[in-house]
Protein backbone atom coordinates (compact mmCIF):
# COMPACT_ATOMS: atom_id res chain seq x y z
CA MET A 1 0.00 0.00 0.00
CA ASN A 2 1.21 3.49 -0.79
CA GLU A 3 2.15 4.94 2.60
CA ASN A 4 0.61 8.28 1.66
CA THR A 5 -2.80 6.81 0.81
CA LYS A 6 -5.48 7.56 3.36
CA GLY A 7 -8.71 7.13 1.48
CA VAL A 8 -10.83 5.56 -1.25
CA LEU A 9 -13.42 7.44 -3.30
CA LEU A 10 -16.68 5.76 -4.31
CA LEU A 11 -17.61 8.02 -7.20
CA SER A 12 -21.28 8.84 -7.90
CA SER A 13 -22.33 6.51 -5.09
CA GLY A 14 -25.98 7.66 -5.06
CA SER A 15 -28.17 4.81 -3.85
CA LYS A 16 -25.56 2.05 -4.37
CA VAL A 17 -25.79 0.92 -0.75
CA ALA A 18 -24.71 -2.69 -1.39
CA ILE A 19 -21.50 -1.55 -3.10
CA THR A 20 -20.90 1.02 -0.36
CA ARG A 21 -21.28 -1.52 2.44
CA ALA A 22 -18.77 -3.83 0.77
CA ALA A 23 -16.34 -0.93 0.28
CA VAL A 24 -16.74 0.18 3.92
CA LYS A 25 -15.73 -3.29 5.08
CA SER A 26 -12.65 -3.41 2.84
CA ALA A 27 -11.56 0.15 3.62
CA THR A 28 -12.06 -0.11 7.39
CA GLY A 29 -10.09 -3.34 7.54
CA ARG A 30 -7.11 -1.48 6.05
CA GLY A 31 -7.40 1.68 8.11
CA LEU A 32 -8.60 3.70 5.12
CA ALA A 33 -11.38 6.28 5.04
CA LEU A 34 -14.17 5.69 2.53
CA HIS A 35 -15.33 8.82 0.71
CA GLY A 36 -18.52 9.05 -1.34
CA SER A 37 -19.67 11.61 -3.88
CA ASP A 38 -22.74 12.58 -5.86
CA ARG A 39 -24.50 15.65 -7.21
CA SER A 40 -26.45 16.06 -3.97
CA GLU A 41 -25.88 15.00 -0.40
CA ASN A 42 -29.48 13.79 -0.27
CA VAL A 43 -28.56 10.26 -1.29
CA PRO A 44 -28.64 7.12 0.89
CA THR A 45 -24.92 6.34 0.67
CA CYS A 46 -23.96 9.58 2.44
CA HIS A 47 -25.03 7.84 5.66
CA PHE A 48 -22.61 4.94 5.21
CA VAL A 49 -19.33 6.55 4.16
CA ASP A 50 -16.78 8.27 6.40
CA ARG A 51 -16.94 11.47 4.38
CA PHE A 52 -19.27 12.65 1.65
CA THR A 53 -18.80 15.44 -0.89
CA CYS A 54 -21.04 16.98 -3.52
CA MET A 55 -19.51 16.86 -6.98
CA ASP A 56 -20.75 17.84 -10.42
CA THR A 57 -21.48 15.18 -13.03
CA SER A 58 -18.82 14.06 -15.50
CA SER A 59 -20.41 16.31 -18.14
CA GLY A 60 -19.50 19.40 -16.11
CA ASP A 61 -16.71 21.73 -17.28
CA ARG A 62 -14.67 21.45 -14.09
CA TRP A 63 -15.31 17.81 -13.28
CA VAL A 64 -11.81 16.51 -14.03
CA GLU A 65 -10.18 19.31 -12.03
CA ASP A 66 -12.60 18.78 -9.14
CA VAL A 67 -11.99 15.03 -8.98
CA ARG A 68 -8.22 15.46 -9.15
CA ALA A 69 -8.19 18.23 -6.52
CA TYR A 70 -10.38 16.22 -4.16
CA CYS A 71 -8.18 13.13 -4.51
CA GLN A 72 -5.01 15.14 -3.87
CA ALA A 73 -6.47 16.98 -0.89
CA ASN A 74 -7.67 13.75 0.73
CA ALA A 75 -4.83 11.38 -0.22
CA ILE A 76 -7.18 9.19 -2.26
CA GLY A 77 -5.38 6.16 -3.64
CA LEU A 78 -8.30 4.44 -5.35
CA ILE A 79 -11.41 5.57 -7.24
CA ILE A 80 -14.24 3.07 -7.70
CA PRO A 81 -16.81 4.22 -10.29
CA THR A 82 -20.45 3.14 -10.13
CA ARG A 83 -22.25 5.26 -12.76
CA GLU A 84 -22.37 4.34 -16.45
CA SER A 85 -21.91 7.93 -17.67
CA ASP A 86 -18.64 8.29 -15.73
CA LEU A 87 -16.89 5.35 -17.41
CA GLU A 88 -15.68 6.91 -20.67
CA PRO A 89 -14.25 10.11 -19.12
CA LEU A 90 -12.63 8.08 -16.33
CA ALA A 91 -11.04 5.66 -18.80
CA LYS A 92 -9.35 8.63 -20.48
CA LEU A 93 -7.94 9.70 -17.09
CA LYS A 94 -6.75 6.27 -15.98
CA SER A 95 -3.14 6.62 -17.09
CA SER A 96 -2.57 10.20 -15.91
CA PHE A 97 -4.17 9.52 -12.52
CA ALA A 98 -2.06 6.36 -12.11
CA SER A 99 1.08 8.48 -12.56
CA GLU A 100 -0.14 10.53 -9.58
CA GLY A 101 -0.63 7.44 -7.42
CA ILE A 102 -4.40 7.26 -7.89
CA ALA A 103 -5.74 3.96 -9.25
CA ILE A 104 -9.08 3.91 -11.05
CA ALA A 105 -10.86 0.55 -10.89
CA ILE A 106 -11.88 0.45 -14.51
CA SER A 107 -11.02 -1.32 -17.75
CA ASP A 108 -8.89 0.38 -20.40
CA TRP A 109 -10.43 2.83 -22.87
CA GLU A 110 -10.64 0.23 -25.65
CA THR A 111 -13.00 -1.96 -23.64
CA ILE A 112 -15.06 0.93 -22.25
CA SER A 113 -15.51 2.35 -25.75
CA LEU A 114 -16.40 -1.03 -27.25
CA CYS A 115 -18.98 -1.79 -24.56
CA SER A 116 -20.67 1.63 -24.83
CA ASP A 117 -21.38 1.14 -28.55
CA LYS A 118 -23.84 -1.71 -29.18
CA LEU A 119 -22.79 -2.01 -32.83
CA ALA A 120 -19.15 -2.36 -31.79
CA THR A 121 -20.19 -4.88 -29.14
CA GLU A 122 -21.95 -6.99 -31.78
CA THR A 123 -18.83 -6.87 -33.97
CA PHE A 124 -16.74 -7.99 -30.98
CA PHE A 125 -19.10 -10.89 -30.23
CA LYS A 126 -18.81 -12.04 -33.84
CA ARG A 127 -15.02 -11.78 -33.74
CA VAL A 128 -14.77 -14.06 -30.72
CA LYS A 129 -17.46 -16.33 -32.20
CA ALA A 130 -19.92 -15.65 -29.38
CA PRO A 131 -23.50 -16.15 -30.60
CA THR A 132 -25.41 -12.88 -30.80
CA PRO A 133 -28.73 -11.77 -32.35
CA LYS A 134 -28.48 -10.20 -35.78
CA THR A 135 -28.27 -6.42 -35.37
CA ILE A 136 -28.84 -3.75 -38.05
CA THR A 137 -29.10 0.02 -38.13
CA LEU A 138 -32.45 1.75 -38.45
CA LYS A 139 -31.51 2.86 -41.97
CA GLU A 140 -30.84 -0.73 -43.04
CA CYS A 141 -34.03 -1.85 -41.36
CA ARG A 142 -36.15 0.67 -43.28
CA GLU A 143 -34.51 -0.35 -46.54
CA ARG A 144 -35.21 -4.04 -45.91
CA GLU A 145 -38.47 -3.89 -43.96
CA ASN A 146 -40.13 -6.37 -46.32
CA GLU A 147 -37.49 -8.96 -45.43
CA LEU A 148 -37.73 -8.59 -41.65
CA ASP A 149 -39.22 -11.02 -39.19
CA PHE A 150 -41.09 -9.13 -36.49
CA PRO A 151 -41.11 -8.56 -33.58
CA LEU A 152 -37.73 -6.84 -33.29
CA ILE A 153 -36.03 -5.24 -30.30
CA ALA A 154 -35.20 -1.56 -30.84
CA LYS A 155 -32.52 0.05 -28.69
CA PRO A 156 -30.37 3.22 -28.83
CA ARG A 157 -26.88 2.48 -30.16
CA TYR A 158 -25.22 4.23 -27.22
CA GLY A 159 -27.91 3.68 -24.58
CA SER A 160 -27.53 2.01 -21.19
CA ALA A 161 -29.72 0.50 -18.45
CA SER A 162 -32.43 -0.47 -20.99
CA LYS A 163 -33.31 3.18 -21.56
CA GLY A 164 -35.34 3.58 -24.73
CA VAL A 165 -35.53 -0.16 -25.41
CA GLN A 166 -38.83 -1.19 -26.99
CA LYS A 167 -40.38 -4.03 -28.92
CA ILE A 168 -41.35 -3.31 -32.55
CA HIS A 169 -44.22 -5.44 -33.86
CA GLU A 170 -44.65 -4.04 -37.38
CA ALA A 171 -42.87 -1.83 -39.94
CA ASP A 172 -45.03 1.24 -39.28
CA GLU A 173 -43.61 1.51 -35.76
CA LEU A 174 -40.14 2.17 -37.20
CA LYS A 175 -41.25 5.70 -38.12
CA SER A 176 -41.26 6.79 -34.48
CA LEU A 177 -37.61 5.85 -33.88
CA SER A 178 -34.71 8.30 -34.00
CA GLU A 179 -31.77 7.65 -36.33
CA ASP A 180 -29.43 6.41 -33.58
CA TYR A 181 -31.55 3.26 -33.02
CA LEU A 182 -30.49 -0.28 -33.78
CA LEU A 183 -32.82 -3.21 -34.43
CA GLN A 184 -32.09 -6.65 -33.07
CA GLU A 185 -33.71 -10.04 -33.49
CA GLN A 186 -35.57 -11.20 -30.41
CA ALA A 187 -33.51 -13.81 -28.57
CA PRO A 188 -35.22 -16.94 -27.19
CA GLY A 189 -34.97 -18.16 -23.61
CA HIS A 190 -34.56 -16.49 -20.22
CA GLU A 191 -32.39 -13.44 -19.58
CA TYR A 192 -29.17 -13.98 -17.62
CA THR A 193 -26.37 -11.81 -16.31
CA ILE A 194 -22.89 -13.31 -16.06
CA ASN A 195 -20.96 -11.40 -13.38
CA THR A 196 -17.23 -11.75 -13.97
CA TYR A 197 -14.05 -10.41 -12.41
CA VAL A 198 -10.90 -9.91 -14.49
CA SER A 199 -7.61 -9.51 -12.62
CA LEU A 200 -4.98 -6.91 -13.45
CA PHE A 201 -3.12 -9.76 -15.18
CA GLY A 202 -6.03 -10.23 -17.60
CA GLU A 203 -7.23 -13.48 -16.03
CA CYS A 204 -10.95 -13.99 -15.49
CA ILE A 205 -10.90 -15.46 -11.99
CA CYS A 206 -14.64 -15.69 -11.32
CA THR A 207 -17.86 -16.12 -13.30
CA ILE A 208 -21.24 -16.00 -11.54
CA PRO A 209 -24.33 -16.30 -13.75
CA HIS A 210 -27.72 -15.36 -12.38
CA ARG A 211 -31.13 -15.59 -13.95
CA ARG A 212 -33.04 -12.30 -14.03
CA ILE A 213 -36.41 -13.51 -12.79
CA LEU A 214 -38.09 -10.15 -12.18
CA VAL A 215 -36.79 -6.81 -13.46
CA ASP A 216 -37.81 -3.31 -12.42
CA GLY A 217 -36.30 -0.25 -14.10
CA SER A 218 -33.67 -2.44 -15.84
CA GLU A 219 -32.38 -3.88 -12.51
CA SER A 220 -33.07 -7.36 -11.20
CA VAL A 221 -35.32 -7.35 -8.15
CA GLN A 222 -35.63 -11.12 -8.14
CA ALA A 223 -32.76 -13.29 -9.33
CA ARG A 224 -31.11 -16.66 -8.70
CA THR A 225 -27.51 -17.76 -9.17
CA GLU A 226 -27.13 -20.80 -11.41
CA LYS A 227 -23.97 -22.79 -12.08
CA ILE A 228 -24.43 -23.36 -15.79
CA PRO A 229 -21.08 -24.52 -17.23
CA THR A 230 -21.78 -23.15 -20.72
CA LEU A 231 -22.48 -19.66 -19.38
CA MET A 232 -19.44 -19.76 -17.09
CA GLU A 233 -17.14 -20.86 -19.91
CA TRP A 234 -18.44 -18.18 -22.27
CA GLY A 235 -18.22 -15.54 -19.52
CA LYS A 236 -14.54 -16.31 -19.06
CA ARG A 237 -13.82 -16.40 -22.80
CA ILE A 238 -15.56 -13.10 -23.50
CA SER A 239 -14.00 -11.35 -20.49
CA GLU A 240 -10.46 -12.40 -21.37
CA SER A 241 -10.94 -11.45 -25.03
CA LEU A 242 -11.77 -7.83 -24.27
CA PRO A 243 -8.83 -5.44 -24.84
CA GLY A 244 -7.49 -4.31 -21.48
CA ALA A 245 -10.45 -5.46 -19.40
CA SER A 246 -10.00 -5.49 -15.63
CA GLY A 247 -12.17 -5.60 -12.55
CA PRO A 248 -15.92 -6.30 -12.53
CA LEU A 249 -17.91 -6.87 -15.72
CA ASN A 250 -21.46 -8.03 -16.29
CA ILE A 251 -22.36 -9.75 -19.53
CA GLN A 252 -26.02 -9.89 -20.59
CA CYS A 253 -27.41 -12.82 -22.55
CA PHE A 254 -30.43 -15.01 -23.19
CA PHE A 255 -30.15 -18.73 -22.52
CA ASP A 256 -32.62 -21.36 -23.69
CA ALA A 257 -32.10 -24.50 -21.62
CA ASN A 258 -34.30 -26.62 -23.88
CA SER A 259 -32.14 -26.06 -26.93
CA ASN A 260 -28.95 -25.20 -24.98
CA THR A 261 -28.56 -22.03 -27.05
CA ILE A 262 -27.14 -18.67 -25.95
CA GLN A 263 -27.45 -15.20 -27.47
CA PHE A 264 -25.20 -12.46 -26.05
CA ILE A 265 -26.57 -8.93 -26.22
CA GLU A 266 -24.32 -6.52 -24.29
CA ILE A 267 -21.48 -5.99 -21.80
CA ASN A 268 -21.39 -3.53 -18.90
CA PRO A 269 -17.82 -2.91 -17.69
CA ARG A 270 -18.59 -1.88 -14.10
CA LEU A 271 -20.16 -2.85 -10.80
CA GLY A 272 -23.74 -3.11 -12.00
CA GLY A 273 -27.16 -3.92 -10.64
CA GLY A 274 -26.18 -7.59 -10.37
CA PHE A 275 -23.43 -6.86 -7.83
CA PRO A 276 -25.57 -7.53 -4.71
CA ILE A 277 -26.35 -11.13 -5.65
CA ALA A 278 -22.80 -11.84 -6.83
CA ASN A 279 -21.45 -10.38 -3.58
CA ALA A 280 -23.90 -12.37 -1.44
CA ALA A 281 -22.83 -15.51 -3.32
CA LYS A 282 -19.22 -14.89 -2.13
CA GLY A 283 -18.03 -13.11 -5.28
CA ASN A 284 -16.03 -10.54 -3.32
CA PHE A 285 -15.41 -8.20 -6.25
CA VAL A 286 -14.87 -5.03 -4.18
CA GLU A 287 -12.49 -6.77 -1.79
CA TRP A 288 -10.54 -8.12 -4.76
CA ILE A 289 -10.13 -4.58 -6.09
CA PHE A 290 -8.61 -3.56 -2.75
CA GLN A 291 -6.32 -6.61 -2.69
CA GLU A 292 -4.99 -5.90 -6.18
CA VAL A 293 -4.52 -2.16 -5.72
CA PHE A 294 -3.20 -1.96 -2.16
CA GLU A 295 -1.56 -5.33 -1.63
CA LYS A 296 -0.44 -6.02 -5.21
CA ARG A 297 -1.86 -9.50 -4.73
CA ARG A 298 -2.19 -11.91 -7.64
CA LEU A 299 -5.67 -13.35 -7.30
CA ASP A 300 -6.47 -17.05 -7.47
CA THR A 301 -9.34 -18.46 -9.49
CA PHE A 302 -12.52 -18.61 -7.41
CA GLN A 303 -15.55 -20.65 -8.45
CA ASN A 304 -16.68 -21.87 -5.00
CA TRP A 305 -19.57 -19.43 -4.94
CA THR A 306 -23.10 -20.19 -3.73
CA ASP A 307 -25.29 -21.87 -6.31
CA LYS A 308 -29.10 -21.43 -6.37
CA LEU A 309 -28.93 -18.34 -4.15
CA MET A 310 -32.20 -16.41 -4.49
CA MET A 311 -32.26 -12.63 -4.24
CA MET A 312 -35.47 -10.72 -3.52
CA LYS A 313 -34.92 -6.96 -3.33
CA TYR A 314 -37.28 -4.71 -1.45
CA ARG A 315 -37.53 -0.96 -0.99
CA ASP A 316 -36.38 0.66 2.24
CA ALA A 317 -35.93 4.27 3.34
CA ILE A 318 -33.57 6.44 5.38
CA PHE A 319 -35.04 9.29 7.40
CA GLU A 320 -33.33 12.42 8.69
CA VAL A 321 -34.31 15.80 10.11
CA ASP A 322 -32.78 18.85 8.42
C-alpha cells in the first residue's frame, strides 16, 4: 500500500448501498477512510461513508479538475466508479491519474468504448465467435423492412440501463424511432447476467451467472444464481478477449435450456445492478479490487460461490431531520 494513501473514493455513489457496504468493510479493515460523492448530499450512501462530498457530473466543465483536486487533498489512492456515464471520461484519465498514485478501478479505454457502442459490441461478439442476435441500423431496417421477421427489439446504439428499449411489432412503428436506433432479433430463452471479475493480469478469476427472474427499471429485483457450465465458460472467454479489461464486468445474454442455445446482447464494464447477488454468493469483487490495488496480490481463481442463491430486493428508506 502506498504509505501516503489515506482514502478511497466511491464516485457517484448515489443509492448504491450494497457496493458502499462492501467498500466500507474493505476500507475499514485497512485503516482507510471511505469517501462518497454525488450531485447532492441527499442520497442514501452519504449515511454509510466516512466522508461525503457533492460533486458535479462528469459532463460538467470542471469535473476533471474537481476530482483530481479532491483526490489530492484527501490522499485518495483508489477511485471506484459506479455510474455508467462516468466510465468513458474516467477511462481517459486512468493513465494520468495512475502516474499521480491514484488507481481507477476500470477497464482500459478500448474496452469501455467497445462496450458503450452496441454495434461495436456486436462486432466484438462475432469476432470471438460468441453467438449474438443479428443487429442492423435503423436505416438498413427501413430499406429491408419487407425482409424482416417481427417482432424486433429496438434500442439506442449508445444507450444504457435499458433506456429507450422497446419491442417493434410491425414496420409502421419504425417511423417513431430516432436515427441512432439499432434493431435486433428477439432472442429466445430467459435473460441472464454473467458477473465476472478480471484480474490486473487479464485473467478472469470468477464467473457467476444469475437468472433475471423479475426486473424493475432495468435492474433485477428477483434473481437466482445458477452454475451453468456453458455460461461460465463463455463468460470467461468473452472477459479475457476484451482489450485491457479489468475488474468487474457483467455480460447480458439469453439462454434457452431446452435447446442449450445462448445469445449475447451486451457488456457492462462496471459494478452493476447484479453486484448484490454476486457479492452475497461470495463473489467478493470489491475486496478483490482492494487486494490488487493496495496489496499487489495476484488473485487465485474462485468458483466456489453459492449456487441457487435467491435474491429478492425490497424498498427501504432512510429518514433524517434537516
